[in-house]
Amino acid sequence: MRHMLSRGPGEAVSTVIIGAGIAMLVQPFSLTLYTWSFPVILAGAFAFLVTSHFPD
């Protein structure tokens, strides 16, 4: 349980989610992906904010 609440893995997953949202934002193929890009970036930023307060 202690490993699940550590900062490292949570921040890494949050960073990947933010990166996926940015990739969705700049792709020219699908309007659906573009539409969902901002909520994905926002969810990743919120997750990063929460996990950055976890202990090392």
PDB file of N, CA and C in Angstrom:
ATOM      1  N   MET A   1       0.831  -1.196   0.000  1.00  0.00           N
ATOM      2  CA  MET A   1       0.000   0.000   0.000  1.00  0.00           C
ATOM      3  C   MET A   1       0.870   1.252   0.000  1.00  0.00           C
ATOM      4  N   ARG A   2       1.978   1.195   0.676  1.00  0.00           N
ATOM      5  CA  ARG A   2       2.861   2.363   0.765  1.00  0.00           C
ATOM      6  C   ARG A   2       3.431   2.723  -0.596  1.00  0.00           C
ATOM      7  N   HIS A   3       3.723   1.716  -1.421  1.00  0.00           N
ATOM      8  CA  HIS A   3       4.281   1.983  -2.743  1.00  0.00           C
ATOM      9  C   HIS A   3       3.239   2.650  -3.647  1.00  0.00           C
ATOM     10  N   MET A   4       1.971   2.322  -3.464  1.00  0.00           N
ATOM     11  CA  MET A   4       0.924   2.919  -4.291  1.00  0.00           C
ATOM     12  C   MET A   4       0.754   4.402  -4.001  1.00  0.00           C
ATOM     13  N   LEU A   5       1.086   4.828  -2.800  1.00  0.00           N
ATOM     14  CA  LEU A   5       0.937   6.236  -2.434  1.00  0.00           C
ATOM     15  C   LEU A   5       2.256   6.998  -2.503  1.00  0.00           C
ATOM     16  N   SER A   6       3.221   6.499  -3.250  1.00  0.00           N
ATOM     17  CA  SER A   6       4.466   7.233  -3.392  1.00  0.00           C
ATOM     18  C   SER A   6       4.372   8.196  -4.560  1.00  0.00           C
ATOM     19  N   ARG A   7       5.215   9.176  -4.542  1.00  0.00           N
ATOM     20  CA  ARG A   7       5.137  10.270  -5.499  1.00  0.00           C
ATOM     21  C   ARG A   7       5.564   9.879  -6.906  1.00  0.00           C
ATOM     22  N   GLY A   8       6.616   9.103  -7.053  1.00  0.00           N
ATOM     23  CA  GLY A   8       7.213   8.821  -8.354  1.00  0.00           C
ATOM     24  C   GLY A   8       6.289   8.240  -9.402  1.00  0.00           C
ATOM     25  N   PRO A   9       5.668   7.085  -9.144  1.00  0.00           N
ATOM     26  CA  PRO A   9       4.799   6.487 -10.168  1.00  0.00           C
ATOM     27  C   PRO A   9       3.582   7.355 -10.503  1.00  0.00           C
ATOM     28  N   GLY A  10       3.016   7.991  -9.519  1.00  0.00           N
ATOM     29  CA  GLY A  10       1.849   8.834  -9.771  1.00  0.00           C
ATOM     30  C   GLY A  10       2.168  10.029 -10.648  1.00  0.00           C
ATOM     31  N   GLU A  11       3.314  10.655 -10.383  1.00  0.00           N
ATOM     32  CA  GLU A  11       3.716  11.788 -11.214  1.00  0.00           C
ATOM     33  C   GLU A  11       4.046  11.337 -12.628  1.00  0.00           C
ATOM     34  N   ALA A  12       4.636  10.162 -12.771  1.00  0.00           N
ATOM     35  CA  ALA A  12       4.969   9.663 -14.104  1.00  0.00           C
ATOM     36  C   ALA A  12       3.705   9.396 -14.916  1.00  0.00           C
ATOM     37  N   VAL A  13       2.720   8.767 -14.305  1.00  0.00           N
ATOM     38  CA  VAL A  13       1.460   8.494 -15.011  1.00  0.00           C
ATOM     39  C   VAL A  13       0.755   9.800 -15.363  1.00  0.00           C
ATOM     40  N   SER A  14       0.767  10.753 -14.450  1.00  0.00           N
ATOM     41  CA  SER A  14       0.140  12.043 -14.718  1.00  0.00           C
ATOM     42  C   SER A  14       0.817  12.764 -15.871  1.00  0.00           C
ATOM     43  N   THR A  15       2.129  12.690 -15.934  1.00  0.00           N
ATOM     44  CA  THR A  15       2.868  13.319 -17.025  1.00  0.00           C
ATOM     45  C   THR A  15       2.530  12.666 -18.361  1.00  0.00           C
ATOM     46  N   VAL A  16       2.384  11.352 -18.372  1.00  0.00           N
ATOM     47  CA  VAL A  16       2.001  10.649 -19.607  1.00  0.00           C
ATOM     48  C   VAL A  16       0.599  11.061 -20.040  1.00  0.00           C
ATOM     49  N   ILE A  17      -0.320  11.228 -19.097  1.00  0.00           N
ATOM     50  CA  ILE A  17      -1.677  11.655 -19.422  1.00  0.00           C
ATOM     51  C   ILE A  17      -1.663  13.067 -20.019  1.00  0.00           C
ATOM     52  N   ILE A  18      -0.881  13.961 -19.439  1.00  0.00           N
ATOM     53  CA  ILE A  18      -0.767  15.318 -19.981  1.00  0.00           C
ATOM     54  C   ILE A  18      -0.181  15.271 -21.386  1.00  0.00           C
ATOM     55  N   GLY A  19       0.850  14.464 -21.592  1.00  0.00           N
ATOM     56  CA  GLY A  19       1.452  14.327 -22.920  1.00  0.00           C
ATOM     57  C   GLY A  19       0.479  13.774 -23.941  1.00  0.00           C
ATOM     58  N   ALA A  20      -0.351  12.808 -23.525  1.00  0.00           N
ATOM     59  CA  ALA A  20      -1.362  12.260 -24.432  1.00  0.00           C
ATOM     60  C   ALA A  20      -2.393  13.325 -24.800  1.00  0.00           C
ATOM     61  N   GLY A  21      -2.748  14.156 -23.841  1.00  0.00           N
ATOM     62  CA  GLY A  21      -3.694  15.234 -24.122  1.00  0.00           C
ATOM     63  C   GLY A  21      -3.130  16.248 -25.101  1.00  0.00           C
ATOM     64  N   ILE A  22      -1.850  16.555 -24.966  1.00  0.00           N
ATOM     65  CA  ILE A  22      -1.212  17.484 -25.901  1.00  0.00           C
ATOM     66  C   ILE A  22      -1.134  16.862 -27.289  1.00  0.00           C
ATOM     67  N   ALA A  23      -0.809  15.570 -27.355  1.00  0.00           N
ATOM     68  CA  ALA A  23      -0.781  14.886 -28.653  1.00  0.00           C
ATOM     69  C   ALA A  23      -2.167  14.888 -29.287  1.00  0.00           C
ATOM     70  N   MET A  24      -3.209  14.716 -28.483  1.00  0.00           N
ATOM     71  CA  MET A  24      -4.575  14.772 -28.991  1.00  0.00           C
ATOM     72  C   MET A  24      -4.910  16.170 -29.501  1.00  0.00           C
ATOM     73  N   LEU A  25      -4.350  17.181 -28.861  1.00  0.00           N
ATOM     74  CA  LEU A  25      -4.630  18.560 -29.229  1.00  0.00           C
ATOM     75  C   LEU A  25      -4.021  18.938 -30.577  1.00  0.00           C
ATOM     76  N   VAL A  26      -2.844  18.436 -30.887  1.00  0.00           N
ATOM     77  CA  VAL A  26      -2.137  18.875 -32.089  1.00  0.00           C
ATOM     78  C   VAL A  26      -2.316  17.946 -33.287  1.00  0.00           C
ATOM     79  N   GLN A  27      -3.039  16.849 -33.127  1.00  0.00           N
ATOM     80  CA  GLN A  27      -3.222  15.928 -34.256  1.00  0.00           C
ATOM     81  C   GLN A  27      -4.292  16.476 -35.198  1.00  0.00           C
ATOM     82  N   PRO A  28      -4.130  16.281 -36.507  1.00  0.00           N
ATOM     83  CA  PRO A  28      -5.095  16.847 -37.461  1.00  0.00           C
ATOM     84  C   PRO A  28      -6.140  15.851 -37.987  1.00  0.00           C
ATOM     85  N   PHE A  29      -6.271  14.667 -37.389  1.00  0.00           N
ATOM     86  CA  PHE A  29      -7.068  13.602 -37.988  1.00  0.00           C
ATOM     87  C   PHE A  29      -8.484  13.481 -37.449  1.00  0.00           C
ATOM     88  N   SER A  30      -8.673  13.653 -36.161  1.00  0.00           N
ATOM     89  CA  SER A  30      -9.960  13.343 -35.550  1.00  0.00           C
ATOM     90  C   SER A  30     -10.463  14.527 -34.718  1.00  0.00           C
ATOM     91  N   LEU A  31     -11.660  14.964 -35.041  1.00  0.00           N
ATOM     92  CA  LEU A  31     -12.274  16.042 -34.268  1.00  0.00           C
ATOM     93  C   LEU A  31     -12.648  15.568 -32.866  1.00  0.00           C
ATOM     94  N   THR A  32     -12.981  14.300 -32.725  1.00  0.00           N
ATOM     95  CA  THR A  32     -13.317  13.752 -31.412  1.00  0.00           C
ATOM     96  C   THR A  32     -12.116  13.794 -30.474  1.00  0.00           C
ATOM     97  N   LEU A  33     -10.946  13.398 -30.963  1.00  0.00           N
ATOM     98  CA  LEU A  33      -9.742  13.469 -30.135  1.00  0.00           C
ATOM     99  C   LEU A  33      -9.431  14.908 -29.756  1.00  0.00           C
ATOM    100  N   TYR A  34      -9.589  15.817 -30.712  1.00  0.00           N
ATOM    101  CA  TYR A  34      -9.340  17.231 -30.439  1.00  0.00           C
ATOM    102  C   TYR A  34     -10.310  17.748 -29.375  1.00  0.00           C
ATOM    103  N   THR A  35     -11.555  17.325 -29.459  1.00  0.00           N
ATOM    104  CA  THR A  35     -12.571  17.771 -28.512  1.00  0.00           C
ATOM    105  C   THR A  35     -12.255  17.307 -27.098  1.00  0.00           C
ATOM    106  N   TRP A  36     -11.744  16.093 -26.960  1.00  0.00           N
ATOM    107  CA  TRP A  36     -11.448  15.529 -25.645  1.00  0.00           C
ATOM    108  C   TRP A  36     -10.059  15.897 -25.133  1.00  0.00           C
ATOM    109  N   SER A  37      -9.268  16.624 -25.907  1.00  0.00           N
ATOM    110  CA  SER A  37      -7.888  16.903 -25.506  1.00  0.00           C
ATOM    111  C   SER A  37      -7.817  17.784 -24.255  1.00  0.00           C
ATOM    112  N   PHE A  38      -8.626  18.826 -24.188  1.00  0.00           N
ATOM    113  CA  PHE A  38      -8.544  19.713 -23.025  1.00  0.00           C
ATOM    114  C   PHE A  38      -8.964  19.021 -21.733  1.00  0.00           C
ATOM    115  N   PRO A  39     -10.074  18.260 -21.707  1.00  0.00           N
ATOM    116  CA  PRO A  39     -10.391  17.539 -20.465  1.00  0.00           C
ATOM    117  C   PRO A  39      -9.303  16.539 -20.049  1.00  0.00           C
ATOM    118  N   VAL A  40      -8.637  15.917 -21.017  1.00  0.00           N
ATOM    119  CA  VAL A  40      -7.560  14.975 -20.693  1.00  0.00           C
ATOM    120  C   VAL A  40      -6.379  15.727 -20.079  1.00  0.00           C
ATOM    121  N   ILE A  41      -6.007  16.860 -20.671  1.00  0.00           N
ATOM    122  CA  ILE A  41      -4.921  17.670 -20.115  1.00  0.00           C
ATOM    123  C   ILE A  41      -5.288  18.144 -18.712  1.00  0.00           C
ATOM    124  N   LEU A  42      -6.514  18.569 -18.531  1.00  0.00           N
ATOM    125  CA  LEU A  42      -6.969  19.040 -17.227  1.00  0.00           C
ATOM    126  C   LEU A  42      -6.957  17.924 -16.186  1.00  0.00           C
ATOM    127  N   ALA A  43      -7.384  16.730 -16.573  1.00  0.00           N
ATOM    128  CA  ALA A  43      -7.364  15.589 -15.652  1.00  0.00           C
ATOM    129  C   ALA A  43      -5.926  15.228 -15.287  1.00  0.00           C
ATOM    130  N   GLY A  44      -5.021  15.270 -16.260  1.00  0.00           N
ATOM    131  CA  GLY A  44      -3.618  14.988 -15.976  1.00  0.00           C
ATOM    132  C   GLY A  44      -3.008  16.023 -15.046  1.00  0.00           C
ATOM    133  N   ALA A  45      -3.354  17.282 -15.265  1.00  0.00           N
ATOM    134  CA  ALA A  45      -2.832  18.341 -14.392  1.00  0.00           C
ATOM    135  C   ALA A  45      -3.364  18.196 -12.974  1.00  0.00           C
ATOM    136  N   PHE A  46      -4.641  17.858 -12.846  1.00  0.00           N
ATOM    137  CA  PHE A  46      -5.212  17.646 -11.514  1.00  0.00           C
ATOM    138  C   PHE A  46      -4.575  16.443 -10.824  1.00  0.00           C
ATOM    139  N   ALA A  47      -4.369  15.372 -11.587  1.00  0.00           N
ATOM    140  CA  ALA A  47      -3.724  14.186 -11.018  1.00  0.00           C
ATOM    141  C   ALA A  47      -2.296  14.505 -10.591  1.00  0.00           C
ATOM    142  N   PHE A  48      -1.588  15.301 -11.381  1.00  0.00           N
ATOM    143  CA  PHE A  48      -0.228  15.683 -11.012  1.00  0.00           C
ATOM    144  C   PHE A  48      -0.234  16.524  -9.742  1.00  0.00           C
ATOM    145  N   LEU A  49      -1.194  17.429  -9.640  1.00  0.00           N
ATOM    146  CA  LEU A  49      -1.302  18.262  -8.446  1.00  0.00           C
ATOM    147  C   LEU A  49      -1.543  17.415  -7.203  1.00  0.00           C
ATOM    148  N   VAL A  50      -2.410  16.421  -7.315  1.00  0.00           N
ATOM    149  CA  VAL A  50      -2.700  15.564  -6.171  1.00  0.00           C
ATOM    150  C   VAL A  50      -1.513  14.688  -5.822  1.00  0.00           C
ATOM    151  N   THR A  51      -0.915  14.033  -6.835  1.00  0.00           N
ATOM    152  CA  THR A  51       0.185  13.115  -6.534  1.00  0.00           C
ATOM    153  C   THR A  51       1.465  13.840  -6.111  1.00  0.00           C
ATOM    154  N   SER A  52       1.588  15.112  -6.430  1.00  0.00           N
ATOM    155  CA  SER A  52       2.784  15.829  -5.999  1.00  0.00           C
ATOM    156  C   SER A  52       2.772  16.086  -4.490  1.00  0.00           C
ATOM    157  N   HIS A  53       1.632  15.898  -3.862  1.00  0.00           N
ATOM    158  CA  HIS A  53       1.546  16.061  -2.414  1.00  0.00           C
ATOM    159  C   HIS A  53       1.738  14.751  -1.658  1.00  0.00           C
ATOM    160  N   PHE A  54       1.923  13.653  -2.382  1.00  0.00           N
ATOM    161  CA  PHE A  54       2.190  12.375  -1.737  1.00  0.00           C
ATOM    162  C   PHE A  54       3.613  12.365  -1.192  1.00  0.00           C
ATOM    163  N   PRO A  55       3.894  11.530  -0.197  1.00  0.00           N
ATOM    164  CA  PRO A  55       5.257  11.455   0.326  1.00  0.00           C
ATOM    165  C   PRO A  55       6.196  10.755  -0.659  1.00  0.00           C
ATOM    166  N   ASP A  56       7.473  11.034  -0.528  1.00  0.00           N
ATOM    167  CA  ASP A  56       8.476  10.382  -1.381  1.00  0.00           C
ATOM    168  C   ASP A  56       8.534   8.930  -1.012  1.00  0.00           C
TER     169      ASP A  56
END
